[in-house]
C-alpha atoms as a PDB file:
ATOM      1  CA  MET A   1      20.512 -16.537  -0.080  1.00  0.00           C
ATOM      2  CA  ARG A   2      17.148 -17.523   1.308  1.00  0.00           C
ATOM      3  CA  SER A   3      14.647 -18.975  -1.107  1.00  0.00           C
ATOM      4  CA  ARG A   4      11.443 -17.055  -1.717  1.00  0.00           C
ATOM      5  CA  ALA A   5       9.458 -19.811  -0.005  1.00  0.00           C
ATOM      6  CA  ALA A   6      11.558 -19.656   3.166  1.00  0.00           C
ATOM      7  CA  SER A   7      11.345 -15.883   3.140  1.00  0.00           C
ATOM      8  CA  PHE A   8       7.529 -15.955   3.075  1.00  0.00           C
ATOM      9  CA  MET A   9       7.378 -18.397   5.986  1.00  0.00           C
ATOM     10  CA  LEU A  10       9.460 -16.004   8.077  1.00  0.00           C
ATOM     11  CA  LEU A  11       7.543 -13.024   6.727  1.00  0.00           C
ATOM     12  CA  LEU A  12       4.249 -14.010   8.319  1.00  0.00           C
ATOM     13  CA  ALA A  13       5.845 -14.777  11.659  1.00  0.00           C
ATOM     14  CA  ALA A  14       7.628 -11.445  11.879  1.00  0.00           C
ATOM     15  CA  LEU A  15       4.828  -9.285  10.529  1.00  0.00           C
ATOM     16  CA  GLY A  16       2.373 -10.777  12.979  1.00  0.00           C
ATOM     17  CA  THR A  17       4.532 -10.353  16.057  1.00  0.00           C
ATOM     18  CA  THR A  18       5.280  -6.678  15.582  1.00  0.00           C
ATOM     19  CA  ALA A  19       3.037  -4.414  17.592  1.00  0.00           C
ATOM     20  CA  CYS A  20       0.778  -1.781  16.059  1.00  0.00           C
ATOM     21  CA  SER A  21       2.598   1.511  15.700  1.00  0.00           C
ATOM     22  CA  GLY A  22       2.171   4.756  13.824  1.00  0.00           C
ATOM     23  CA  MET A  23      -1.516   5.386  13.149  1.00  0.00           C
ATOM     24  CA  ALA A  24      -3.870   4.047  15.807  1.00  0.00           C
ATOM     25  CA  CYS A  25      -6.105   1.126  14.855  1.00  0.00           C
ATOM     26  CA  GLY A  26      -9.741   2.218  14.725  1.00  0.00           C
ATOM     27  CA  PHE A  27     -12.042   4.522  12.862  1.00  0.00           C
ATOM     28  CA  GLY A  28     -10.907   8.045  12.189  1.00  0.00           C
ATOM     29  CA  ALA A  29     -12.898  11.143  11.537  1.00  0.00           C
ATOM     30  CA  GLU A  30     -15.136  11.163   8.493  1.00  0.00           C
ATOM     31  CA  ARG A  31     -13.950  13.008   5.416  1.00  0.00           C
ATOM     32  CA  GLU A  32     -15.040  16.591   5.884  1.00  0.00           C
ATOM     33  CA  GLN A  33     -15.909  17.218   2.267  1.00  0.00           C
ATOM     34  CA  GLN A  34     -16.642  15.218  -0.828  1.00  0.00           C
ATOM     35  CA  ALA A  35     -13.549  14.118  -2.684  1.00  0.00           C
ATOM     36  CA  PRO A  36     -13.274  14.865  -6.402  1.00  0.00           C
ATOM     37  CA  GLN A  37     -14.547  12.199  -8.768  1.00  0.00           C
ATOM     38  CA  PRO A  38     -12.003   9.792 -10.256  1.00  0.00           C
ATOM     39  CA  GLY A  39     -10.114  11.265 -13.154  1.00  0.00           C
ATOM     40  CA  SER A  40     -11.070  14.850 -12.338  1.00  0.00           C
ATOM     41  CA  ALA A  41      -8.546  17.566 -11.607  1.00  0.00           C
ATOM     42  CA  GLN A  42      -8.950  20.438  -9.208  1.00  0.00           C
ATOM     43  CA  THR A  43      -7.827  23.774 -10.584  1.00  0.00           C
ATOM     44  CA  PRO A  44      -7.258  26.414  -7.916  1.00  0.00           C
ATOM     45  CA  ALA A  45      -8.722  29.853  -8.401  1.00  0.00           C
ATOM     46  CA  PRO A  46      -6.294  32.477  -9.713  1.00  0.00           C
ATOM     47  CA  GLY A  47      -4.009  33.566  -6.899  1.00  0.00           C
ATOM     48  CA  ALA A  48      -5.095  30.739  -4.625  1.00  0.00           C
ATOM     49  CA  ALA A  49      -2.603  28.236  -3.273  1.00  0.00           C
ATOM     50  CA  ALA A  50      -2.825  24.794  -4.866  1.00  0.00           C
ATOM     51  CA  ARG A  51      -4.301  22.154  -2.579  1.00  0.00           C
ATOM     52  CA  PRO A  52      -2.068  19.225  -1.652  1.00  0.00           C
ATOM     53  CA  PHE A  53      -2.320  16.149  -3.838  1.00  0.00           C
ATOM     54  CA  LYS A  54      -1.982  13.358  -1.286  1.00  0.00           C
ATOM     55  CA  ILE A  55      -1.026   9.746  -1.848  1.00  0.00           C
ATOM     56  CA  ALA A  56      -1.797   7.572   1.191  1.00  0.00           C
ATOM     57  CA  PHE A  57       0.003   4.248   1.662  1.00  0.00           C
ATOM     58  CA  LEU A  58      -2.211   1.793   3.579  1.00  0.00           C
ATOM     59  CA  GLY A  59      -0.146  -1.203   4.666  1.00  0.00           C
ATOM     60  CA  ASP A  60       1.647  -3.169   7.368  1.00  0.00           C
ATOM     61  CA  SER A  61       5.272  -3.180   8.584  1.00  0.00           C
ATOM     62  CA  LEU A  62       6.592  -3.495   5.032  1.00  0.00           C
ATOM     63  CA  THR A  63       5.041  -0.106   4.291  1.00  0.00           C
ATOM     64  CA  ALA A  64       5.666   1.399   7.728  1.00  0.00           C
ATOM     65  CA  GLY A  65       9.369   0.683   7.227  1.00  0.00           C
ATOM     66  CA  LEU A  66      10.060  -1.444  10.282  1.00  0.00           C
ATOM     67  CA  GLY A  67      13.776  -1.251  11.110  1.00  0.00           C
ATOM     68  CA  LEU A  68      14.329   1.759   8.869  1.00  0.00           C
ATOM     69  CA  LEU A  69      14.407   5.493   9.380  1.00  0.00           C
ATOM     70  CA  SER A  70      11.149   7.092   8.275  1.00  0.00           C
ATOM     71  CA  GLU A  71      12.868   8.679   5.284  1.00  0.00           C
ATOM     72  CA  GLU A  72      14.178   5.261   4.181  1.00  0.00           C
ATOM     73  CA  ALA A  73      10.759   3.580   3.913  1.00  0.00           C
ATOM     74  CA  TYR A  74       9.527   3.164   0.358  1.00  0.00           C
ATOM     75  CA  PRO A  75       6.650   5.708   0.619  1.00  0.00           C
ATOM     76  CA  ALA A  76       9.127   8.434   1.607  1.00  0.00           C
ATOM     77  CA  LEU A  77      11.441   7.435  -1.234  1.00  0.00           C
ATOM     78  CA  ILE A  78       8.546   7.721  -3.665  1.00  0.00           C
ATOM     79  CA  GLY A  79       7.792  11.173  -2.282  1.00  0.00           C
ATOM     80  CA  LYS A  80      11.404  12.178  -2.950  1.00  0.00           C
ATOM     81  CA  LYS A  81      11.121  10.934  -6.519  1.00  0.00           C
ATOM     82  CA  PHE A  82       8.063  13.084  -7.125  1.00  0.00           C
ATOM     83  CA  ALA A  83       9.812  16.114  -5.656  1.00  0.00           C
ATOM     84  CA  ALA A  84      12.930  15.515  -7.752  1.00  0.00           C
ATOM     85  CA  GLU A  85      10.818  15.500 -10.911  1.00  0.00           C
ATOM     86  CA  GLY A  86       9.083  18.753 -10.043  1.00  0.00           C
ATOM     87  CA  TYR A  87       5.795  17.489  -8.616  1.00  0.00           C
ATOM     88  CA  SER A  88       5.747  20.152  -5.930  1.00  0.00           C
ATOM     89  CA  ASN A  89       2.113  19.568  -4.981  1.00  0.00           C
ATOM     90  CA  VAL A  90       2.376  15.826  -4.283  1.00  0.00           C
ATOM     91  CA  GLU A  91       2.482  14.715  -0.636  1.00  0.00           C
ATOM     92  CA  VAL A  92       2.885  11.148   0.614  1.00  0.00           C
ATOM     93  CA  VAL A  93       1.264   9.851   3.795  1.00  0.00           C
ATOM     94  CA  ASN A  94       2.681   6.661   5.282  1.00  0.00           C
ATOM     95  CA  ALA A  95      -0.323   4.901   6.833  1.00  0.00           C
ATOM     96  CA  GLY A  96       1.506   1.632   7.408  1.00  0.00           C
ATOM     97  CA  VAL A  97       0.939  -0.113  10.755  1.00  0.00           C
ATOM     98  CA  SER A  98       3.135  -3.017  11.819  1.00  0.00           C
ATOM     99  CA  GLY A  99       1.229  -6.241  12.361  1.00  0.00           C
ATOM    100  CA  ASP A 100      -1.883  -5.050  10.558  1.00  0.00           C
ATOM    101  CA  THR A 101      -4.263  -7.296   8.633  1.00  0.00           C
ATOM    102  CA  THR A 102      -6.766  -6.432   5.934  1.00  0.00           C
ATOM    103  CA  ALA A 103      -9.430  -6.408   8.673  1.00  0.00           C
ATOM    104  CA  GLY A 104      -7.473  -3.926  10.770  1.00  0.00           C
ATOM    105  CA  ALA A 105      -6.784  -1.698   7.785  1.00  0.00           C
ATOM    106  CA  LEU A 106     -10.478  -1.690   6.894  1.00  0.00           C
ATOM    107  CA  ARG A 107     -11.330  -0.438  10.395  1.00  0.00           C
ATOM    108  CA  ARG A 108      -8.907   2.465  10.125  1.00  0.00           C
ATOM    109  CA  LEU A 109      -9.421   3.277   6.452  1.00  0.00           C
ATOM    110  CA  ASN A 110     -10.893   6.714   7.142  1.00  0.00           C
ATOM    111  CA  GLU A 111      -7.674   7.702   8.907  1.00  0.00           C
ATOM    112  CA  ALA A 112      -5.805   7.196   5.642  1.00  0.00           C
ATOM    113  CA  LEU A 113      -8.262   9.257   3.641  1.00  0.00           C
ATOM    114  CA  ASP A 114      -8.922  12.940   3.993  1.00  0.00           C
ATOM    115  CA  ALA A 115     -10.320  15.538   1.654  1.00  0.00           C
ATOM    116  CA  ASP A 116      -6.981  15.953  -0.149  1.00  0.00           C
ATOM    117  CA  THR A 117      -6.247  12.241  -0.669  1.00  0.00           C
ATOM    118  CA  ARG A 118      -6.400  11.468  -4.375  1.00  0.00           C
ATOM    119  CA  ILE A 119      -4.651   8.075  -4.502  1.00  0.00           C
ATOM    120  CA  VAL A 120      -4.410   5.274  -1.932  1.00  0.00           C
ATOM    121  CA  VAL A 121      -1.851   2.495  -2.201  1.00  0.00           C
ATOM    122  CA  VAL A 122      -3.231  -0.718  -0.672  1.00  0.00           C
ATOM    123  CA  ALA A 123      -0.369  -3.057   0.307  1.00  0.00           C
ATOM    124  CA  LEU A 124      -1.772  -5.659   2.699  1.00  0.00           C
ATOM    125  CA  GLY A 125      -2.288  -9.379   3.217  1.00  0.00           C
ATOM    126  CA  GLY A 126       0.960 -10.663   4.719  1.00  0.00           C
ATOM    127  CA  ASN A 127      -0.537 -11.007   8.196  1.00  0.00           C
ATOM    128  CA  ASP A 128      -3.904 -12.443   7.236  1.00  0.00           C
ATOM    129  CA  ALA A 129      -2.893 -16.095   7.140  1.00  0.00           C
ATOM    130  CA  LEU A 130      -1.069 -15.871  10.460  1.00  0.00           C
ATOM    131  CA  ARG A 131      -4.140 -14.390  12.112  1.00  0.00           C
ATOM    132  CA  GLY A 132      -6.392 -17.136  10.763  1.00  0.00           C
ATOM    133  CA  LEU A 133      -8.195 -15.202   8.037  1.00  0.00           C
ATOM    134  CA  THR A 134      -9.422 -17.250   5.096  1.00  0.00           C
ATOM    135  CA  THR A 135      -8.620 -16.188   1.552  1.00  0.00           C
ATOM    136  CA  ALA A 136     -12.307 -15.288   1.170  1.00  0.00           C
ATOM    137  CA  GLN A 137     -12.064 -12.964   4.169  1.00  0.00           C
ATOM    138  CA  THR A 138      -8.918 -11.364   2.750  1.00  0.00           C
ATOM    139  CA  HIS A 139     -10.708 -10.821  -0.549  1.00  0.00           C
ATOM    140  CA  ASP A 140     -13.828  -9.393   1.085  1.00  0.00           C
ATOM    141  CA  ASN A 141     -11.914  -7.027   3.386  1.00  0.00           C
ATOM    142  CA  LEU A 142      -9.867  -5.715   0.502  1.00  0.00           C
ATOM    143  CA  ALA A 143     -12.998  -5.389  -1.614  1.00  0.00           C
ATOM    144  CA  GLN A 144     -14.565  -3.156   1.028  1.00  0.00           C
ATOM    145  CA  ILE A 145     -11.406  -1.035   1.170  1.00  0.00           C
ATOM    146  CA  LEU A 146     -11.297  -0.641  -2.603  1.00  0.00           C
ATOM    147  CA  ALA A 147     -15.008   0.111  -2.875  1.00  0.00           C
ATOM    148  CA  ALA A 148     -14.895   2.708  -0.092  1.00  0.00           C
ATOM    149  CA  ALA A 149     -11.900   4.450  -1.622  1.00  0.00           C
ATOM    150  CA  GLN A 150     -13.370   4.520  -5.090  1.00  0.00           C
ATOM    151  CA  ASN A 151     -16.767   5.673  -3.816  1.00  0.00           C
ATOM    152  CA  ALA A 152     -14.949   8.594  -2.201  1.00  0.00           C
ATOM    153  CA  GLY A 153     -13.392   9.517  -5.542  1.00  0.00           C
ATOM    154  CA  VAL A 154      -9.954   8.163  -4.641  1.00  0.00           C
ATOM    155  CA  ARG A 155      -8.017   6.071  -7.142  1.00  0.00           C
ATOM    156  CA  VAL A 156      -6.269   2.904  -5.958  1.00  0.00           C
ATOM    157  CA  LEU A 157      -2.982   1.149  -6.558  1.00  0.00           C
ATOM    158  CA  LEU A 158      -3.359  -2.419  -5.299  1.00  0.00           C
ATOM    159  CA  ALA A 159      -0.097  -4.204  -4.464  1.00  0.00           C
ATOM    160  CA  GLY A 160      -0.356  -7.983  -4.291  1.00  0.00           C
ATOM    161  CA  MET A 161       1.242 -10.295  -1.748  1.00  0.00           C
ATOM    162  CA  GLU A 162       2.151 -13.985  -1.790  1.00  0.00           C
ATOM    163  CA  ALA A 163       1.121 -16.583   0.799  1.00  0.00           C
ATOM    164  CA  PRO A 164       3.677 -18.836   2.523  1.00  0.00           C
ATOM    165  CA  PRO A 165       4.049 -22.412   1.274  1.00  0.00           C
ATOM    166  CA  ASN A 166       3.508 -23.982   4.695  1.00  0.00           C
ATOM    167  CA  LEU A 167      -0.225 -23.269   4.383  1.00  0.00           C
ATOM    168  CA  GLY A 168      -0.502 -25.524   1.363  1.00  0.00           C
ATOM    169  CA  GLU A 169      -0.687 -25.150  -2.379  1.00  0.00           C
ATOM    170  CA  ASP A 170      -4.442 -24.605  -2.397  1.00  0.00           C
ATOM    171  CA  TYR A 171      -4.181 -21.697   0.021  1.00  0.00           C
ATOM    172  CA  GLN A 172      -1.329 -20.168  -1.993  1.00  0.00           C
ATOM    173  CA  GLN A 173      -3.276 -20.387  -5.222  1.00  0.00           C
ATOM    174  CA  ASN A 174      -6.475 -19.037  -3.692  1.00  0.00           C
ATOM    175  CA  PHE A 175      -4.588 -16.227  -1.994  1.00  0.00           C
ATOM    176  CA  ARG A 176      -3.010 -15.134  -5.266  1.00  0.00           C
ATOM    177  CA  ALA A 177      -6.327 -15.513  -7.060  1.00  0.00           C
ATOM    178  CA  ALA A 178      -8.000 -13.179  -4.551  1.00  0.00           C
ATOM    179  CA  PHE A 179      -5.769 -10.294  -5.619  1.00  0.00           C
ATOM    180  CA  ILE A 180      -6.179 -11.062  -9.315  1.00  0.00           C
ATOM    181  CA  SER A 181      -9.949 -11.175  -8.878  1.00  0.00           C
ATOM    182  CA  LEU A 182      -9.956  -7.819  -7.087  1.00  0.00           C
ATOM    183  CA  ALA A 183      -7.849  -6.231  -9.820  1.00  0.00           C
ATOM    184  CA  ARG A 184     -10.471  -7.328 -12.334  1.00  0.00           C
ATOM    185  CA  GLU A 185     -13.489  -6.390 -10.238  1.00  0.00           C
ATOM    186  CA  TYR A 186     -12.251  -2.828  -9.573  1.00  0.00           C
ATOM    187  CA  ARG A 187     -10.278  -2.289 -12.760  1.00  0.00           C
ATOM    188  CA  THR A 188     -12.018   0.962 -13.746  1.00  0.00           C
ATOM    189  CA  ASN A 189     -10.015   3.154 -11.372  1.00  0.00           C
ATOM    190  CA  LEU A 190      -7.410   0.710 -10.109  1.00  0.00           C
ATOM    191  CA  VAL A 191      -3.809  -0.034 -11.042  1.00  0.00           C
ATOM    192  CA  TYR A 192      -2.504  -3.477 -10.120  1.00  0.00           C
ATOM    193  CA  MET A 193       1.047  -4.289  -8.997  1.00  0.00           C
ATOM    194  CA  PRO A 194       1.077  -8.112  -8.697  1.00  0.00           C
ATOM    195  CA  PHE A 195       3.714  -8.420  -5.961  1.00  0.00           C
ATOM    196  CA  LEU A 196       4.893  -5.695  -3.581  1.00  0.00           C
ATOM    197  CA  LEU A 197       8.224  -7.454  -2.934  1.00  0.00           C
ATOM    198  CA  GLU A 198       9.074  -8.286  -6.531  1.00  0.00           C
ATOM    199  CA  GLY A 199      12.864  -8.410  -6.865  1.00  0.00           C
ATOM    200  CA  VAL A 200      13.293  -8.104  -3.090  1.00  0.00           C
ATOM    201  CA  ALA A 201      11.856 -11.237  -1.422  1.00  0.00           C
ATOM    202  CA  GLY A 202      14.463 -13.928  -0.883  1.00  0.00           C
ATOM    203  CA  ASP A 203      17.427 -11.673  -1.680  1.00  0.00           C
ATOM    204  CA  ALA A 204      19.615 -11.408   1.418  1.00  0.00           C
ATOM    205  CA  ALA A 205      21.334  -8.309   0.060  1.00  0.00           C
ATOM    206  CA  LEU A 206      18.023  -6.436  -0.018  1.00  0.00           C
ATOM    207  CA  ASN A 207      16.647  -7.510   3.361  1.00  0.00           C
ATOM    208  CA  GLN A 208      17.472  -6.810   6.981  1.00  0.00           C
ATOM    209  CA  ALA A 209      19.122  -9.383   9.209  1.00  0.00           C
ATOM    210  CA  ASP A 210      15.759 -11.056   9.856  1.00  0.00           C
ATOM    211  CA  GLY A 211      15.600 -11.978   6.183  1.00  0.00           C
ATOM    212  CA  ILE A 212      12.058 -10.610   6.036  1.00  0.00           C
ATOM    213  CA  HIS A 213      11.852  -6.845   6.083  1.00  0.00           C
ATOM    214  CA  PRO A 214      13.507  -4.891   3.277  1.00  0.00           C
ATOM    215  CA  ASN A 215      16.600  -2.893   4.162  1.00  0.00           C
ATOM    216  CA  LYS A 216      17.094   0.567   2.699  1.00  0.00           C
ATOM    217  CA  ASP A 217      18.277  -0.919  -0.592  1.00  0.00           C
ATOM    218  CA  GLY A 218      15.270  -3.226  -0.720  1.00  0.00           C
ATOM    219  CA  ALA A 219      12.957  -0.297  -0.007  1.00  0.00           C
ATOM    220  CA  ARG A 220      14.605   1.519  -2.886  1.00  0.00           C
ATOM    221  CA  VAL A 221      13.771  -1.365  -5.239  1.00  0.00           C
ATOM    222  CA  ILE A 222      10.121  -1.283  -4.143  1.00  0.00           C
ATOM    223  CA  ALA A 223      10.010   2.471  -4.724  1.00  0.00           C
ATOM    224  CA  GLU A 224      11.585   2.107  -8.166  1.00  0.00           C
ATOM    225  CA  ASN A 225       9.048  -0.558  -9.124  1.00  0.00           C
ATOM    226  CA  MET A 226       6.030   1.382  -7.875  1.00  0.00           C
ATOM    227  CA  TYR A 227       6.912   4.960  -8.751  1.00  0.00           C
ATOM    228  CA  PRO A 228       6.287   4.793 -12.528  1.00  0.00           C
ATOM    229  CA  LYS A 229       2.782   3.464 -11.919  1.00  0.00           C
ATOM    230  CA  LEU A 230       2.004   6.210  -9.413  1.00  0.00           C
ATOM    231  CA  ARG A 231       3.483   8.924 -11.613  1.00  0.00           C
ATOM    232  CA  THR A 232       1.216   7.841 -14.465  1.00  0.00           C
ATOM    233  CA  MET A 233      -1.774   7.912 -12.133  1.00  0.00           C
ATOM    234  CA  VAL A 234      -0.891  11.379 -10.877  1.00  0.00           C
ATOM    235  CA  ASP A 235      -0.502  12.655 -14.457  1.00  0.00           C
ATOM    236  CA  GLU A 236      -3.846  11.162 -15.480  1.00  0.00           C
ATOM    237  CA  ILE A 237      -5.640  12.867 -12.597  1.00  0.00           C
ATOM    238  CA  GLY A 238      -3.872  16.153 -13.186  1.00  0.00           C
ATOM    239  CA  GLY A 239      -1.774  16.346 -10.051  1.00  0.00           C
ATOM    240  CA  GLY A 240       1.447  17.584 -11.616  1.00  0.00           C
ATOM    241  CA  GLY A 241       3.021  20.924 -10.889  1.00  0.00           C
END
């Protein structure tokens, strides 16, 4: 079994060498209408069809599901969990792009948000060190993403990431501290998941042959860890049914 430290060293190398896929990198169209304010629920008029309650997953190859079928990636598995529990109005949007950094995700943020997006999952950071971003830049890019989402009335689940040990203990500590700081700064409408790969990183049985990207069982663990947090968020906003 690979150690967590070895897994992170390989993680950066693989995430950074995969080409952008899925959603194009760049700005998308502006949201066509104002999103509802955080914590508010939209009640359709009698006889009107309920509007979709979208959860967008903004991430890199770990979210995109590199090496997996689209239905095996953790966002799709979370969507299946909602459907199985009767949340017929919830839709998931996988906005993961392989090789993406926090800077790239910031540039394409509007593509992950439309008028029906009520929650955005932000799962980024693994590629930042490889691309030469400082921990301050990672923090500031994520801060802009969180602020933009919240200003649009969209709640956020922030998933943390760990830095590889080869960049030094100071970098590791500052990298982790950046996520903790963000969780505190934007705590009003944010739920924090300290580590996206908790229970998966370093476990050969839960990763693909590269030892980096989760296999379908690893994706299932991520979905199981994240789903209860998202379900609570959906219930609080009033997206059930």
